């Protein structure tokens, strides 16, 4: 193990997985998605549209960072909703 021929896959520890992946097929179109459970990765998520609104109304304090969004298995309606919430809110 550990030599040049070692084909073992290496997985980063949970503490280094800072960008969660949301399952688009389970998404209901909400701008605010609330995580559940004791998992540190289960946090609250917002759409770009919601982020733009929070910034426009000078809401504080909050911290926002990008997340990955898996579109596998999403319906056409969900994909349309996803395209819509990625648009900026006109100021």
PDB file of N, CA and C in Angstrom:
ATOM      1  N   UNK A   1       0.838  -1.188   0.000  1.00  0.00           N
ATOM      2  CA  UNK A   1       0.000   0.000   0.000  1.00  0.00           C
ATOM      3  C   UNK A   1       0.879   1.245   0.000  1.00  0.00           C
ATOM      4  N   UNK A   2       0.464   2.200  -0.787  1.00  0.00           N
ATOM      5  CA  UNK A   2       1.177   3.449  -0.825  1.00  0.00           C
ATOM      6  C   UNK A   2       2.236   3.525  -1.909  1.00  0.00           C
ATOM      7  N   UNK A   3       2.500   2.432  -2.625  1.00  0.00           N
ATOM      8  CA  UNK A   3       3.495   2.434  -3.686  1.00  0.00           C
ATOM      9  C   UNK A   3       2.925   2.980  -4.988  1.00  0.00           C
ATOM     10  N   UNK A   4       3.744   2.958  -6.028  1.00  0.00           N
ATOM     11  CA  UNK A   4       3.340   3.481  -7.336  1.00  0.00           C
ATOM     12  C   UNK A   4       2.141   2.732  -7.915  1.00  0.00           C
ATOM     13  N   UNK A   5       1.997   1.440  -7.578  1.00  0.00           N
ATOM     14  CA  UNK A   5       0.901   0.633  -8.116  1.00  0.00           C
ATOM     15  C   UNK A   5      -0.370   0.711  -7.253  1.00  0.00           C
ATOM     16  N   UNK A   6      -0.329   1.459  -6.170  1.00  0.00           N
ATOM     17  CA  UNK A   6      -1.483   1.566  -5.264  1.00  0.00           C
ATOM     18  C   UNK A   6      -2.626   2.277  -5.982  1.00  0.00           C
ATOM     19  N   UNK A   7      -3.766   1.620  -6.094  1.00  0.00           N
ATOM     20  CA  UNK A   7      -4.920   2.204  -6.775  1.00  0.00           C
ATOM     21  C   UNK A   7      -6.034   2.568  -5.801  1.00  0.00           C
ATOM     22  N   UNK A   8      -5.710   2.627  -4.531  1.00  0.00           N
ATOM     23  CA  UNK A   8      -6.708   2.974  -3.528  1.00  0.00           C
ATOM     24  C   UNK A   8      -7.155   4.418  -3.728  1.00  0.00           C
ATOM     25  N   UNK A   9      -8.454   4.627  -3.725  1.00  0.00           N
ATOM     26  CA  UNK A   9      -8.998   5.980  -3.849  1.00  0.00           C
ATOM     27  C   UNK A   9      -8.863   6.711  -2.518  1.00  0.00           C
ATOM     28  N   UNK A  10      -8.526   7.964  -2.583  1.00  0.00           N
ATOM     29  CA  UNK A  10      -8.349   8.766  -1.377  1.00  0.00           C
ATOM     30  C   UNK A  10      -9.532   9.722  -1.258  1.00  0.00           C
ATOM     31  N   UNK A  11     -10.160   9.715  -0.127  1.00  0.00           N
ATOM     32  CA  UNK A  11     -11.305  10.580   0.131  1.00  0.00           C
ATOM     33  C   UNK A  11     -10.907  11.589   1.193  1.00  0.00           C
ATOM     34  N   UNK A  12     -11.226  12.866   0.935  1.00  0.00           N
ATOM     35  CA  UNK A  12     -10.873  13.890   1.914  1.00  0.00           C
ATOM     36  C   UNK A  12     -11.704  13.713   3.181  1.00  0.00           C
ATOM     37  N   UNK A  13     -11.150  14.053   4.339  1.00  0.00           N
ATOM     38  CA  UNK A  13     -11.913  13.955   5.583  1.00  0.00           C
ATOM     39  C   UNK A  13     -13.104  14.911   5.569  1.00  0.00           C
ATOM     40  N   UNK A  14     -14.145  14.578   6.296  1.00  0.00           N
ATOM     41  CA  UNK A  14     -15.349  15.395   6.348  1.00  0.00           C
ATOM     42  C   UNK A  14     -15.032  16.848   6.677  1.00  0.00           C
ATOM     43  N   UNK A  15     -14.064  17.070   7.542  1.00  0.00           N
ATOM     44  CA  UNK A  15     -13.730  18.438   7.948  1.00  0.00           C
ATOM     45  C   UNK A  15     -13.239  19.289   6.784  1.00  0.00           C
ATOM     46  N   UNK A  16     -12.806  18.672   5.681  1.00  0.00           N
ATOM     47  CA  UNK A  16     -12.314  19.425   4.533  1.00  0.00           C
ATOM     48  C   UNK A  16     -13.368  19.595   3.443  1.00  0.00           C
ATOM     49  N   UNK A  17     -14.502  18.974   3.608  1.00  0.00           N
ATOM     50  CA  UNK A  17     -15.557  19.081   2.597  1.00  0.00           C
ATOM     51  C   UNK A  17     -16.387  20.319   2.888  1.00  0.00           C
ATOM     52  N   UNK A  18     -15.946  21.419   2.362  1.00  0.00           N
ATOM     53  CA  UNK A  18     -16.575  22.688   2.694  1.00  0.00           C
ATOM     54  C   UNK A  18     -17.692  23.086   1.743  1.00  0.00           C
ATOM     55  N   UNK A  19     -17.786  22.457   0.577  1.00  0.00           N
ATOM     56  CA  UNK A  19     -18.819  22.850  -0.378  1.00  0.00           C
ATOM     57  C   UNK A  19     -19.802  21.698  -0.530  1.00  0.00           C
ATOM     58  N   UNK A  20     -20.973  21.814   0.079  1.00  0.00           N
ATOM     59  CA  UNK A  20     -21.963  20.737  -0.051  1.00  0.00           C
ATOM     60  C   UNK A  20     -22.561  20.705  -1.456  1.00  0.00           C
ATOM     61  N   UNK A  21     -23.176  19.581  -1.784  1.00  0.00           N
ATOM     62  CA  UNK A  21     -23.853  19.425  -3.063  1.00  0.00           C
ATOM     63  C   UNK A  21     -25.333  19.230  -2.776  1.00  0.00           C
ATOM     64  N   UNK A  22     -26.158  20.090  -3.337  1.00  0.00           N
ATOM     65  CA  UNK A  22     -27.605  19.969  -3.160  1.00  0.00           C
ATOM     66  C   UNK A  22     -28.177  19.121  -4.290  1.00  0.00           C
ATOM     67  N   UNK A  23     -29.119  18.258  -3.952  1.00  0.00           N
ATOM     68  CA  UNK A  23     -29.772  17.403  -4.945  1.00  0.00           C
ATOM     69  C   UNK A  23     -30.924  18.158  -5.586  1.00  0.00           C
ATOM     70  N   UNK A  24     -30.740  18.527  -6.842  1.00  0.00           N
ATOM     71  CA  UNK A  24     -31.756  19.290  -7.549  1.00  0.00           C
ATOM     72  C   UNK A  24     -33.061  18.551  -7.730  1.00  0.00           C
ATOM     73  N   UNK A  25     -33.002  17.231  -7.849  1.00  0.00           N
ATOM     74  CA  UNK A  25     -34.227  16.454  -8.069  1.00  0.00           C
ATOM     75  C   UNK A  25     -35.153  16.492  -6.851  1.00  0.00           C
ATOM     76  N   UNK A  26     -34.613  16.842  -5.678  1.00  0.00           N
ATOM     77  CA  UNK A  26     -35.431  16.914  -4.458  1.00  0.00           C
ATOM     78  C   UNK A  26     -35.839  18.356  -4.127  1.00  0.00           C
ATOM     79  N   UNK A  27     -35.403  19.307  -4.905  1.00  0.00           N
ATOM     80  CA  UNK A  27     -35.653  20.729  -4.653  1.00  0.00           C
ATOM     81  C   UNK A  27     -37.066  21.118  -5.068  1.00  0.00           C
ATOM     82  N   UNK A  28     -37.731  21.910  -4.243  1.00  0.00           N
ATOM     83  CA  UNK A  28     -39.127  22.291  -4.522  1.00  0.00           C
ATOM     84  C   UNK A  28     -39.259  23.675  -5.146  1.00  0.00           C
ATOM     85  N   UNK A  29     -38.136  24.312  -5.495  1.00  0.00           N
ATOM     86  CA  UNK A  29     -38.194  25.623  -6.123  1.00  0.00           C
ATOM     87  C   UNK A  29     -38.051  26.777  -5.150  1.00  0.00           C
ATOM     88  N   UNK A  30     -37.853  26.489  -3.884  1.00  0.00           N
ATOM     89  CA  UNK A  30     -37.763  27.541  -2.858  1.00  0.00           C
ATOM     90  C   UNK A  30     -36.476  28.347  -2.989  1.00  0.00           C
ATOM     91  N   UNK A  31     -36.556  29.626  -2.627  1.00  0.00           N
ATOM     92  CA  UNK A  31     -35.373  30.479  -2.558  1.00  0.00           C
ATOM     93  C   UNK A  31     -34.607  30.246  -1.257  1.00  0.00           C
ATOM     94  N   UNK A  32     -35.291  29.767  -0.232  1.00  0.00           N
ATOM     95  CA  UNK A  32     -34.674  29.479   1.060  1.00  0.00           C
ATOM     96  C   UNK A  32     -34.843  27.985   1.343  1.00  0.00           C
ATOM     97  N   UNK A  33     -33.736  27.288   1.532  1.00  0.00           N
ATOM     98  CA  UNK A  33     -33.757  25.854   1.799  1.00  0.00           C
ATOM     99  C   UNK A  33     -33.071  25.636   3.138  1.00  0.00           C
ATOM    100  N   UNK A  34     -33.759  24.966   4.032  1.00  0.00           N
ATOM    101  CA  UNK A  34     -33.244  24.764   5.384  1.00  0.00           C
ATOM    102  C   UNK A  34     -32.748  23.341   5.561  1.00  0.00           C
ATOM    103  N   UNK A  35     -31.505  23.212   6.014  1.00  0.00           N
ATOM    104  CA  UNK A  35     -30.928  21.905   6.286  1.00  0.00           C
ATOM    105  C   UNK A  35     -31.445  21.378   7.615  1.00  0.00           C
ATOM    106  N   UNK A  36     -31.356  20.079   7.796  1.00  0.00           N
ATOM    107  CA  UNK A  36     -31.823  19.470   9.033  1.00  0.00           C
ATOM    108  C   UNK A  36     -30.776  18.509   9.564  1.00  0.00           C
ATOM    109  N   UNK A  37     -30.853  18.211  10.833  1.00  0.00           N
ATOM    110  CA  UNK A  37     -29.985  17.215  11.441  1.00  0.00           C
ATOM    111  C   UNK A  37     -28.748  17.805  12.084  1.00  0.00           C
ATOM    112  N   UNK A  38     -27.912  16.902  12.592  1.00  0.00           N
ATOM    113  CA  UNK A  38     -26.702  17.303  13.294  1.00  0.00           C
ATOM    114  C   UNK A  38     -25.491  17.390  12.372  1.00  0.00           C
ATOM    115  N   UNK A  39     -25.650  17.049  11.121  1.00  0.00           N
ATOM    116  CA  UNK A  39     -24.538  17.080  10.177  1.00  0.00           C
ATOM    117  C   UNK A  39     -24.100  18.523   9.962  1.00  0.00           C
ATOM    118  N   UNK A  40     -22.798  18.833  10.126  1.00  0.00           N
ATOM    119  CA  UNK A  40     -22.334  20.202   9.920  1.00  0.00           C
ATOM    120  C   UNK A  40     -22.535  20.686   8.491  1.00  0.00           C
ATOM    121  N   UNK A  41     -22.699  19.750   7.549  1.00  0.00           N
ATOM    122  CA  UNK A  41     -22.940  20.144   6.164  1.00  0.00           C
ATOM    123  C   UNK A  41     -24.412  20.494   5.936  1.00  0.00           C
ATOM    124  N   UNK A  42     -25.290  20.116   6.844  1.00  0.00           N
ATOM    125  CA  UNK A  42     -26.718  20.409   6.724  1.00  0.00           C
ATOM    126  C   UNK A  42     -26.959  21.802   7.274  1.00  0.00           C
ATOM    127  N   UNK A  43     -26.856  22.768   6.423  1.00  0.00           N
ATOM    128  CA  UNK A  43     -27.000  24.156   6.820  1.00  0.00           C
ATOM    129  C   UNK A  43     -28.135  24.779   6.019  1.00  0.00           C
ATOM    130  N   UNK A  44     -28.289  26.052   6.076  1.00  0.00           N
ATOM    131  CA  UNK A  44     -29.327  26.742   5.323  1.00  0.00           C
ATOM    132  C   UNK A  44     -28.741  27.261   4.016  1.00  0.00           C
ATOM    133  N   UNK A  45     -29.570  27.245   2.972  1.00  0.00           N
ATOM    134  CA  UNK A  45     -29.120  27.660   1.650  1.00  0.00           C
ATOM    135  C   UNK A  45     -30.103  28.668   1.084  1.00  0.00           C
ATOM    136  N   UNK A  46     -29.583  29.591   0.265  1.00  0.00           N
ATOM    137  CA  UNK A  46     -30.447  30.555  -0.410  1.00  0.00           C
ATOM    138  C   UNK A  46     -30.066  30.623  -1.882  1.00  0.00           C
ATOM    139  N   UNK A  47     -31.001  31.085  -2.694  1.00  0.00           N
ATOM    140  CA  UNK A  47     -30.750  31.249  -4.122  1.00  0.00           C
ATOM    141  C   UNK A  47     -29.993  32.557  -4.366  1.00  0.00           C
ATOM    142  N   UNK A  48     -29.502  32.721  -5.575  1.00  0.00           N
ATOM    143  CA  UNK A  48     -28.844  33.977  -5.937  1.00  0.00           C
ATOM    144  C   UNK A  48     -29.843  35.117  -5.854  1.00  0.00           C
ATOM    145  N   UNK A  49     -31.068  34.849  -6.244  1.00  0.00           N
ATOM    146  CA  UNK A  49     -32.112  35.869  -6.175  1.00  0.00           C
ATOM    147  C   UNK A  49     -32.305  36.333  -4.733  1.00  0.00           C
ATOM    148  N   UNK A  50     -32.335  35.389  -3.789  1.00  0.00           N
ATOM    149  CA  UNK A  50     -32.492  35.754  -2.376  1.00  0.00           C
ATOM    150  C   UNK A  50     -31.265  36.501  -1.874  1.00  0.00           C
ATOM    151  N   UNK A  51     -30.080  36.083  -2.300  1.00  0.00           N
ATOM    152  CA  UNK A  51     -28.858  36.785  -1.908  1.00  0.00           C
ATOM    153  C   UNK A  51     -28.885  38.220  -2.408  1.00  0.00           C
ATOM    154  N   UNK A  52     -29.263  38.414  -3.660  1.00  0.00           N
ATOM    155  CA  UNK A  52     -29.353  39.774  -4.201  1.00  0.00           C
ATOM    156  C   UNK A  52     -30.310  40.627  -3.382  1.00  0.00           C
ATOM    157  N   UNK A  53     -31.449  40.052  -3.005  1.00  0.00           N
ATOM    158  CA  UNK A  53     -32.432  40.797  -2.213  1.00  0.00           C
ATOM    159  C   UNK A  53     -31.850  41.176  -0.849  1.00  0.00           C
ATOM    160  N   UNK A  54     -31.191  40.225  -0.177  1.00  0.00           N
ATOM    161  CA  UNK A  54     -30.580  40.515   1.124  1.00  0.00           C
ATOM    162  C   UNK A  54     -29.555  41.644   1.013  1.00  0.00           C
ATOM    163  N   UNK A  55     -28.776  41.628  -0.050  1.00  0.00           N
ATOM    164  CA  UNK A  55     -27.783  42.686  -0.250  1.00  0.00           C
ATOM    165  C   UNK A  55     -28.451  44.026  -0.537  1.00  0.00           C
ATOM    166  N   UNK A  56     -29.545  44.012  -1.305  1.00  0.00           N
ATOM    167  CA  UNK A  56     -30.247  45.254  -1.634  1.00  0.00           C
ATOM    168  C   UNK A  56     -30.870  45.916  -0.411  1.00  0.00           C
ATOM    169  N   UNK A  57     -31.334  45.106   0.531  1.00  0.00           N
ATOM    170  CA  UNK A  57     -31.965  45.683   1.736  1.00  0.00           C
ATOM    171  C   UNK A  57     -30.953  45.863   2.867  1.00  0.00           C
ATOM    172  N   UNK A  58     -29.678  45.637   2.545  1.00  0.00           N
ATOM    173  CA  UNK A  58     -28.582  45.810   3.513  1.00  0.00           C
ATOM    174  C   UNK A  58     -28.781  44.952   4.759  1.00  0.00           C
ATOM    175  N   UNK A  59     -29.239  43.720   4.562  1.00  0.00           N
ATOM    176  CA  UNK A  59     -29.432  42.786   5.682  1.00  0.00           C
ATOM    177  C   UNK A  59     -28.071  42.375   6.245  1.00  0.00           C
ATOM    178  N   UNK A  60     -27.974  42.384   7.553  1.00  0.00           N
ATOM    179  CA  UNK A  60     -26.736  41.939   8.215  1.00  0.00           C
ATOM    180  C   UNK A  60     -27.108  41.345   9.549  1.00  0.00           C
ATOM    181  N   UNK A  61     -26.317  40.555  10.155  1.00  0.00           N
ATOM    182  CA  UNK A  61     -25.135  39.916   9.587  1.00  0.00           C
ATOM    183  C   UNK A  61     -25.522  38.590   8.951  1.00  0.00           C
ATOM    184  N   UNK A  62     -24.823  38.216   7.920  1.00  0.00           N
ATOM    185  CA  UNK A  62     -24.950  36.886   7.347  1.00  0.00           C
ATOM    186  C   UNK A  62     -23.688  36.579   6.563  1.00  0.00           C
ATOM    187  N   UNK A  63     -23.493  35.317   6.305  1.00  0.00           N
ATOM    188  CA  UNK A  63     -22.344  34.852   5.542  1.00  0.00           C
ATOM    189  C   UNK A  63     -22.881  33.975   4.418  1.00  0.00           C
ATOM    190  N   UNK A  64     -22.424  34.188   3.208  1.00  0.00           N
ATOM    191  CA  UNK A  64     -22.873  33.394   2.069  1.00  0.00           C
ATOM    192  C   UNK A  64     -21.662  32.851   1.327  1.00  0.00           C
ATOM    193  N   UNK A  65     -21.769  31.613   0.895  1.00  0.00           N
ATOM    194  CA  UNK A  65     -20.725  31.015   0.068  1.00  0.00           C
ATOM    195  C   UNK A  65     -21.399  30.107  -0.945  1.00  0.00           C
ATOM    196  N   UNK A  66     -20.738  29.855  -2.071  1.00  0.00           N
ATOM    197  CA  UNK A  66     -21.363  29.041  -3.119  1.00  0.00           C
ATOM    198  C   UNK A  66     -21.512  27.580  -2.713  1.00  0.00           C
ATOM    199  N   UNK A  67     -22.497  26.936  -3.299  1.00  0.00           N
ATOM    200  CA  UNK A  67     -22.688  25.498  -3.131  1.00  0.00           C
ATOM    201  C   UNK A  67     -22.831  24.887  -4.517  1.00  0.00           C
ATOM    202  N   UNK A  68     -22.608  23.586  -4.600  1.00  0.00           N
ATOM    203  CA  UNK A  68     -22.810  22.879  -5.861  1.00  0.00           C
ATOM    204  C   UNK A  68     -24.238  22.370  -5.888  1.00  0.00           C
ATOM    205  N   UNK A  69     -24.797  22.312  -7.067  1.00  0.00           N
ATOM    206  CA  UNK A  69     -26.185  21.931  -7.245  1.00  0.00           C
ATOM    207  C   UNK A  69     -26.231  20.870  -8.335  1.00  0.00           C
ATOM    208  N   UNK A  70     -26.568  19.647  -7.982  1.00  0.00           N
ATOM    209  CA  UNK A  70     -26.615  18.535  -8.931  1.00  0.00           C
ATOM    210  C   UNK A  70     -27.945  18.583  -9.681  1.00  0.00           C
ATOM    211  N   UNK A  71     -27.872  18.683 -11.003  1.00  0.00           N
ATOM    212  CA  UNK A  71     -29.101  18.786 -11.798  1.00  0.00           C
ATOM    213  C   UNK A  71     -29.573  17.436 -12.339  1.00  0.00           C
ATOM    214  N   UNK A  72     -28.868  16.369 -12.017  1.00  0.00           N
ATOM    215  CA  UNK A  72     -29.277  15.033 -12.464  1.00  0.00           C
ATOM    216  C   UNK A  72     -30.678  14.712 -11.942  1.00  0.00           C
ATOM    217  N   UNK A  73     -31.530  14.262 -12.801  1.00  0.00           N
ATOM    218  CA  UNK A  73     -32.871  13.837 -12.400  1.00  0.00           C
ATOM    219  C   UNK A  73     -33.868  14.962 -12.197  1.00  0.00           C
ATOM    220  N   UNK A  74     -33.473  16.203 -12.493  1.00  0.00           N
ATOM    221  CA  UNK A  74     -34.406  17.322 -12.326  1.00  0.00           C
ATOM    222  C   UNK A  74     -35.443  17.313 -13.441  1.00  0.00           C
ATOM    223  N   UNK A  75     -36.668  17.676 -13.102  1.00  0.00           N
ATOM    224  CA  UNK A  75     -37.728  17.785 -14.105  1.00  0.00           C
ATOM    225  C   UNK A  75     -37.518  19.063 -14.926  1.00  0.00           C
ATOM    226  N   UNK A  76     -38.232  19.173 -16.027  1.00  0.00           N
ATOM    227  CA  UNK A  76     -38.153  20.391 -16.841  1.00  0.00           C
ATOM    228  C   UNK A  76     -38.597  21.605 -16.031  1.00  0.00           C
ATOM    229  N   UNK A  77     -39.627  21.417 -15.209  1.00  0.00           N
ATOM    230  CA  UNK A  77     -40.126  22.518 -14.376  1.00  0.00           C
ATOM    231  C   UNK A  77     -39.051  22.962 -13.371  1.00  0.00           C
ATOM    232  N   UNK A  78     -38.388  22.010 -12.747  1.00  0.00           N
ATOM    233  CA  UNK A  78     -37.330  22.352 -11.797  1.00  0.00           C
ATOM    234  C   UNK A  78     -36.192  23.080 -12.496  1.00  0.00           C
ATOM    235  N   UNK A  79     -35.850  22.672 -13.703  1.00  0.00           N
ATOM    236  CA  UNK A  79     -34.778  23.342 -14.434  1.00  0.00           C
ATOM    237  C   UNK A  79     -35.165  24.763 -14.808  1.00  0.00           C
ATOM    238  N   UNK A  80     -36.438  24.974 -15.142  1.00  0.00           N
ATOM    239  CA  UNK A  80     -36.913  26.338 -15.429  1.00  0.00           C
ATOM    240  C   UNK A  80     -36.839  27.192 -14.172  1.00  0.00           C
ATOM    241  N   UNK A  81     -37.257  26.632 -13.038  1.00  0.00           N
ATOM    242  CA  UNK A  81     -37.198  27.366 -11.775  1.00  0.00           C
ATOM    243  C   UNK A  81     -35.756  27.690 -11.404  1.00  0.00           C
ATOM    244  N   UNK A  82     -34.837  26.755 -11.636  1.00  0.00           N
ATOM    245  CA  UNK A  82     -33.430  26.989 -11.337  1.00  0.00           C
ATOM    246  C   UNK A  82     -32.883  28.144 -12.180  1.00  0.00           C
ATOM    247  N   UNK A  83     -33.223  28.167 -13.460  1.00  0.00           N
ATOM    248  CA  UNK A  83     -32.777  29.259 -14.327  1.00  0.00           C
ATOM    249  C   UNK A  83     -33.322  30.594 -13.824  1.00  0.00           C
ATOM    250  N   UNK A  84     -34.556  30.586 -13.341  1.00  0.00           N
ATOM    251  CA  UNK A  84     -35.191  31.818 -12.868  1.00  0.00           C
ATOM    252  C   UNK A  84     -34.535  32.352 -11.592  1.00  0.00           C
ATOM    253  N   UNK A  85     -34.207  31.481 -10.645  1.00  0.00           N
ATOM    254  CA  UNK A  85     -33.653  31.971  -9.369  1.00  0.00           C
ATOM    255  C   UNK A  85     -32.183  32.365  -9.489  1.00  0.00           C
ATOM    256  N   UNK A  86     -31.556  32.080 -10.622  1.00  0.00           N
ATOM    257  CA  UNK A  86     -30.174  32.487 -10.818  1.00  0.00           C
ATOM    258  C   UNK A  86     -30.067  33.883 -11.393  1.00  0.00           C
ATOM    259  N   UNK A  87     -31.195  34.454 -11.809  1.00  0.00           N
ATOM    260  CA  UNK A  87     -31.203  35.802 -12.361  1.00  0.00           C
ATOM    261  C   UNK A  87     -31.138  36.819 -11.236  1.00  0.00           C
ATOM    262  N   UNK A  88     -30.466  37.913 -11.496  1.00  0.00           N
ATOM    263  CA  UNK A  88     -30.387  38.992 -10.512  1.00  0.00           C
ATOM    264  C   UNK A  88     -31.717  39.722 -10.438  1.00  0.00           C
ATOM    265  N   UNK A  89     -32.016  40.235  -9.258  1.00  0.00           N
ATOM    266  CA  UNK A  89     -33.220  41.047  -9.071  1.00  0.00           C
ATOM    267  C   UNK A  89     -32.895  42.463  -9.549  1.00  0.00           C
ATOM    268  N   UNK A  90     -33.710  43.034 -10.434  1.00  0.00           N
ATOM    269  CA  UNK A  90     -33.435  44.409 -10.870  1.00  0.00           C
ATOM    270  C   UNK A  90     -33.522  45.371  -9.690  1.00  0.00           C
ATOM    271  N   UNK A  91     -32.578  46.311  -9.650  1.00  0.00           N
ATOM    272  CA  UNK A  91     -32.615  47.278  -8.532  1.00  0.00           C
ATOM    273  C   UNK A  91     -33.335  48.534  -8.905  1.00  0.00           C
TER     274      UNK A  91
END
